[in-house]
N, C-alpha and C. Protein backbone atom coordinates (compact mmCIF):
# COMPACT_ATOMS: atom_id res chain seq x y z
N MET A 1 0.83 -1.20 0.00
CA MET A 1 0.00 0.00 0.00
C MET A 1 0.87 1.26 0.00
N ILE A 2 1.86 1.32 0.85
CA ILE A 2 2.77 2.47 0.92
C ILE A 2 3.55 2.59 -0.38
N LEU A 3 3.91 1.46 -0.95
CA LEU A 3 4.65 1.45 -2.21
C LEU A 3 3.79 2.04 -3.33
N ALA A 4 2.51 1.72 -3.36
CA ALA A 4 1.60 2.22 -4.39
C ALA A 4 1.40 3.73 -4.24
N ILE A 5 1.26 4.20 -3.02
CA ILE A 5 1.10 5.63 -2.77
C ILE A 5 2.37 6.37 -3.17
N SER A 6 3.53 5.80 -2.83
CA SER A 6 4.81 6.42 -3.18
C SER A 6 4.97 6.49 -4.69
N ALA A 7 4.59 5.42 -5.39
CA ALA A 7 4.70 5.40 -6.85
C ALA A 7 3.77 6.44 -7.48
N ALA A 8 2.55 6.54 -6.97
CA ALA A 8 1.60 7.52 -7.49
C ALA A 8 2.10 8.93 -7.24
N LEU A 9 2.65 9.18 -6.07
CA LEU A 9 3.17 10.50 -5.74
C LEU A 9 4.36 10.84 -6.63
N ALA A 10 5.27 9.87 -6.84
CA ALA A 10 6.43 10.10 -7.70
C ALA A 10 5.97 10.38 -9.13
N GLY A 11 4.95 9.68 -9.59
CA GLY A 11 4.42 9.92 -10.94
C GLY A 11 3.82 11.31 -11.07
N ALA A 12 3.09 11.72 -10.05
CA ALA A 12 2.48 13.06 -10.07
C ALA A 12 3.55 14.14 -10.08
N VAL A 13 4.59 13.97 -9.29
CA VAL A 13 5.68 14.94 -9.26
C VAL A 13 6.38 14.99 -10.60
N ALA A 14 6.59 13.82 -11.20
CA ALA A 14 7.25 13.77 -12.51
C ALA A 14 6.42 14.50 -13.56
N LEU A 15 5.11 14.28 -13.56
CA LEU A 15 4.24 14.98 -14.51
C LEU A 15 4.24 16.48 -14.27
N TYR A 16 4.26 16.88 -13.01
CA TYR A 16 4.27 18.30 -12.67
C TYR A 16 5.55 18.96 -13.17
N VAL A 17 6.67 18.26 -13.01
CA VAL A 17 7.97 18.82 -13.43
C VAL A 17 8.11 18.78 -14.95
N LEU A 18 7.69 17.69 -15.58
CA LEU A 18 7.87 17.55 -17.01
C LEU A 18 6.80 18.26 -17.85
N GLY A 19 5.67 18.58 -17.24
CA GLY A 19 4.58 19.22 -17.97
C GLY A 19 5.00 20.46 -18.73
N PRO A 20 5.60 21.44 -18.09
CA PRO A 20 6.01 22.65 -18.82
C PRO A 20 7.07 22.37 -19.88
N ILE A 21 7.95 21.42 -19.62
CA ILE A 21 8.99 21.08 -20.59
C ILE A 21 8.37 20.50 -21.85
N LEU A 22 7.36 19.67 -21.68
CA LEU A 22 6.68 19.03 -22.81
C LEU A 22 5.60 19.91 -23.43
N GLY A 23 5.36 21.08 -22.85
CA GLY A 23 4.39 22.02 -23.40
C GLY A 23 2.97 21.78 -22.92
N TRP A 24 2.79 20.98 -21.93
CA TRP A 24 1.44 20.72 -21.40
C TRP A 24 1.03 21.88 -20.51
N GLY A 25 -0.13 22.42 -20.75
CA GLY A 25 -0.68 23.45 -19.89
C GLY A 25 -0.10 24.83 -20.09
N SER A 26 0.82 24.98 -21.02
CA SER A 26 1.37 26.31 -21.24
C SER A 26 0.48 27.05 -22.23
N PRO A 27 0.35 28.36 -22.08
CA PRO A 27 -0.50 29.11 -23.00
C PRO A 27 0.08 29.09 -24.40
N ALA A 28 -0.78 29.15 -25.37
CA ALA A 28 -0.34 29.20 -26.76
C ALA A 28 0.34 30.54 -27.02
N PRO A 29 1.38 30.52 -27.81
CA PRO A 29 2.05 31.80 -28.11
C PRO A 29 1.11 32.70 -28.89
N LEU A 30 1.26 33.99 -28.65
CA LEU A 30 0.42 34.97 -29.33
C LEU A 30 0.81 35.06 -30.80
N SER A 31 -0.17 35.19 -31.65
CA SER A 31 0.11 35.45 -33.06
C SER A 31 0.64 36.87 -33.17
N ASP A 32 1.11 37.21 -34.36
CA ASP A 32 1.60 38.58 -34.56
C ASP A 32 0.50 39.59 -34.29
N ALA A 33 -0.72 39.28 -34.74
CA ALA A 33 -1.85 40.19 -34.51
C ALA A 33 -2.16 40.28 -33.02
N GLY A 34 -2.11 39.15 -32.33
CA GLY A 34 -2.36 39.14 -30.89
C GLY A 34 -1.30 39.90 -30.13
N ALA A 35 -0.05 39.76 -30.57
CA ALA A 35 1.05 40.47 -29.91
C ALA A 35 0.92 41.97 -30.13
N GLN A 36 0.53 42.36 -31.34
CA GLN A 36 0.35 43.78 -31.63
C GLN A 36 -0.80 44.36 -30.82
N GLU A 37 -1.86 43.58 -30.69
CA GLU A 37 -3.00 44.03 -29.89
C GLU A 37 -2.62 44.17 -28.42
N ALA A 38 -1.84 43.23 -27.92
CA ALA A 38 -1.39 43.31 -26.53
C ALA A 38 -0.48 44.51 -26.32
N ASP A 39 0.40 44.78 -27.30
CA ASP A 39 1.27 45.96 -27.21
C ASP A 39 0.45 47.25 -27.23
N ARG A 40 -0.56 47.30 -28.09
CA ARG A 40 -1.41 48.50 -28.16
C ARG A 40 -2.15 48.70 -26.84
N ARG A 41 -2.67 47.63 -26.29
CA ARG A 41 -3.38 47.73 -25.01
C ARG A 41 -2.45 48.23 -23.92
N ARG A 42 -1.24 47.68 -23.87
CA ARG A 42 -0.26 48.10 -22.87
C ARG A 42 0.08 49.57 -23.03
N GLU A 43 0.22 50.01 -24.30
CA GLU A 43 0.53 51.42 -24.57
C GLU A 43 -0.63 52.32 -24.11
N LEU A 44 -1.85 51.92 -24.42
CA LEU A 44 -3.01 52.73 -24.02
C LEU A 44 -3.12 52.80 -22.50
N LEU A 45 -2.89 51.69 -21.82
CA LEU A 45 -2.96 51.69 -20.36
C LEU A 45 -1.86 52.57 -19.77
N ASP A 46 -0.68 52.55 -20.37
CA ASP A 46 0.41 53.43 -19.91
C ASP A 46 0.04 54.89 -20.13
N ARG A 47 -0.50 55.20 -21.31
CA ARG A 47 -0.91 56.58 -21.60
C ARG A 47 -2.00 57.03 -20.64
N ARG A 48 -2.92 56.12 -20.31
CA ARG A 48 -3.99 56.47 -19.36
C ARG A 48 -3.40 56.83 -18.00
N GLN A 49 -2.45 56.03 -17.52
CA GLN A 49 -1.82 56.31 -16.23
C GLN A 49 -1.09 57.65 -16.25
N GLU A 50 -0.39 57.93 -17.36
CA GLU A 50 0.32 59.21 -17.48
C GLU A 50 -0.65 60.38 -17.48
N ALA A 51 -1.76 60.23 -18.19
CA ALA A 51 -2.74 61.32 -18.27
C ALA A 51 -3.38 61.57 -16.91
N LEU A 52 -3.73 60.50 -16.21
CA LEU A 52 -4.33 60.67 -14.89
C LEU A 52 -3.34 61.27 -13.90
N ALA A 53 -2.09 60.84 -13.99
CA ALA A 53 -1.06 61.42 -13.12
C ALA A 53 -0.85 62.90 -13.46
N GLY A 54 -0.92 63.23 -14.75
CA GLY A 54 -0.79 64.62 -15.17
C GLY A 54 -1.90 65.49 -14.62
N LEU A 55 -3.12 64.97 -14.63
CA LEU A 55 -4.24 65.72 -14.06
C LEU A 55 -4.06 65.93 -12.56
N LYS A 56 -3.59 64.91 -11.90
CA LYS A 56 -3.37 65.02 -10.45
C LYS A 56 -2.28 66.05 -10.16
N ASP A 57 -1.17 65.98 -10.90
CA ASP A 57 -0.08 66.94 -10.71
C ASP A 57 -0.53 68.36 -11.01
N LEU A 58 -1.30 68.51 -12.08
CA LEU A 58 -1.79 69.83 -12.47
C LEU A 58 -2.64 70.44 -11.35
N THR A 59 -3.53 69.63 -10.80
CA THR A 59 -4.39 70.11 -9.71
C THR A 59 -3.55 70.51 -8.50
N MET A 60 -2.55 69.71 -8.21
CA MET A 60 -1.70 69.99 -7.06
C MET A 60 -0.93 71.31 -7.27
N GLU A 61 -0.42 71.50 -8.49
CA GLU A 61 0.31 72.74 -8.79
C GLU A 61 -0.59 73.96 -8.68
N TYR A 62 -1.82 73.82 -9.11
CA TYR A 62 -2.78 74.93 -9.00
C TYR A 62 -3.09 75.22 -7.53
N GLU A 63 -3.29 74.17 -6.76
CA GLU A 63 -3.65 74.35 -5.35
C GLU A 63 -2.53 75.00 -4.54
N VAL A 64 -1.27 74.78 -4.92
CA VAL A 64 -0.18 75.41 -4.18
C VAL A 64 0.20 76.78 -4.76
N GLY A 65 -0.52 77.19 -5.81
CA GLY A 65 -0.33 78.53 -6.34
C GLY A 65 0.70 78.66 -7.45
N LYS A 66 1.13 77.57 -8.05
CA LYS A 66 2.10 77.65 -9.13
C LYS A 66 1.48 78.04 -10.46
N LEU A 67 0.16 77.88 -10.58
CA LEU A 67 -0.53 78.20 -11.83
C LEU A 67 -1.66 79.19 -11.57
N THR A 68 -1.88 80.04 -12.58
CA THR A 68 -3.05 80.91 -12.50
C THR A 68 -4.29 80.07 -12.82
N ARG A 69 -5.44 80.59 -12.45
CA ARG A 69 -6.68 79.85 -12.72
C ARG A 69 -6.87 79.63 -14.22
N GLU A 70 -6.54 80.64 -15.02
CA GLU A 70 -6.69 80.54 -16.47
C GLU A 70 -5.79 79.44 -17.03
N ASP A 71 -4.52 79.45 -16.63
CA ASP A 71 -3.59 78.42 -17.10
C ASP A 71 -4.05 77.02 -16.66
N TYR A 72 -4.48 76.94 -15.42
CA TYR A 72 -4.96 75.66 -14.89
C TYR A 72 -6.14 75.14 -15.71
N GLU A 73 -7.12 76.00 -15.98
CA GLU A 73 -8.30 75.56 -16.72
C GLU A 73 -7.97 75.15 -18.14
N GLN A 74 -7.05 75.89 -18.79
CA GLN A 74 -6.66 75.54 -20.16
C GLN A 74 -5.95 74.18 -20.19
N GLN A 75 -4.99 74.01 -19.29
CA GLN A 75 -4.24 72.76 -19.27
C GLN A 75 -5.11 71.59 -18.83
N ARG A 76 -6.01 71.86 -17.89
CA ARG A 76 -6.91 70.81 -17.41
C ARG A 76 -7.83 70.35 -18.53
N GLU A 77 -8.35 71.30 -19.31
CA GLU A 77 -9.23 70.93 -20.42
C GLU A 77 -8.47 70.08 -21.45
N LYS A 78 -7.25 70.48 -21.76
CA LYS A 78 -6.44 69.73 -22.72
C LYS A 78 -6.18 68.31 -22.21
N LEU A 79 -5.76 68.18 -20.97
CA LEU A 79 -5.49 66.86 -20.40
C LEU A 79 -6.75 66.01 -20.28
N THR A 80 -7.86 66.65 -19.95
CA THR A 80 -9.13 65.92 -19.84
C THR A 80 -9.55 65.36 -21.19
N LEU A 81 -9.41 66.16 -22.24
CA LEU A 81 -9.76 65.69 -23.59
C LEU A 81 -8.86 64.53 -24.01
N GLN A 82 -7.57 64.62 -23.69
CA GLN A 82 -6.65 63.52 -24.00
C GLN A 82 -7.05 62.25 -23.25
N THR A 83 -7.40 62.41 -21.99
CA THR A 83 -7.79 61.27 -21.17
C THR A 83 -9.07 60.63 -21.69
N VAL A 84 -10.03 61.46 -22.07
CA VAL A 84 -11.28 60.93 -22.62
C VAL A 84 -11.00 60.15 -23.91
N GLU A 85 -10.13 60.67 -24.74
CA GLU A 85 -9.80 59.98 -25.99
C GLU A 85 -9.14 58.63 -25.71
N ILE A 86 -8.29 58.57 -24.73
CA ILE A 86 -7.65 57.31 -24.36
C ILE A 86 -8.70 56.31 -23.89
N TYR A 87 -9.61 56.77 -23.06
CA TYR A 87 -10.68 55.88 -22.59
C TYR A 87 -11.55 55.41 -23.75
N ARG A 88 -11.81 56.27 -24.72
CA ARG A 88 -12.59 55.85 -25.90
C ARG A 88 -11.86 54.76 -26.68
N GLU A 89 -10.56 54.94 -26.85
CA GLU A 89 -9.78 53.92 -27.55
C GLU A 89 -9.78 52.60 -26.79
N LEU A 90 -9.62 52.69 -25.48
CA LEU A 90 -9.65 51.46 -24.67
C LEU A 90 -11.01 50.78 -24.78
N ASP A 91 -12.06 51.58 -24.74
CA ASP A 91 -13.41 51.02 -24.83
C ASP A 91 -13.65 50.40 -26.21
N LYS A 92 -13.18 51.07 -27.25
CA LYS A 92 -13.34 50.57 -28.61
C LYS A 92 -12.60 49.25 -28.79
N ASP A 93 -11.42 49.15 -28.21
CA ASP A 93 -10.62 47.93 -28.32
C ASP A 93 -11.04 46.86 -27.32
N GLY A 94 -11.94 47.25 -26.40
CA GLY A 94 -12.37 46.28 -25.39
C GLY A 94 -11.30 46.00 -24.36
N ALA A 95 -10.40 46.96 -24.15
CA ALA A 95 -9.26 46.74 -23.27
C ALA A 95 -9.43 47.40 -21.90
N ALA A 96 -10.50 48.09 -21.67
CA ALA A 96 -10.66 48.76 -20.37
C ALA A 96 -11.05 47.75 -19.38
């Protein structure tokens, strides 16, 4: 009985170790189109983070008095439009 359990355990460990080597359970490689889509999604997500960080920084600079209200509103509108466009692209690509 102990010998059978040991053999089963050794077999399971062997399959676990050899599985990735033999390609079992590994994800299929992305096609060129899939890789390009993943790169585009990553780029859009990076741009979104930059835009949101820019809005946060802009607000902080205005609150500490580094920007006039007019400059703040102009830059905020520009950044907001950029951010909205990024979200539209993400939504269109289904990547949000």
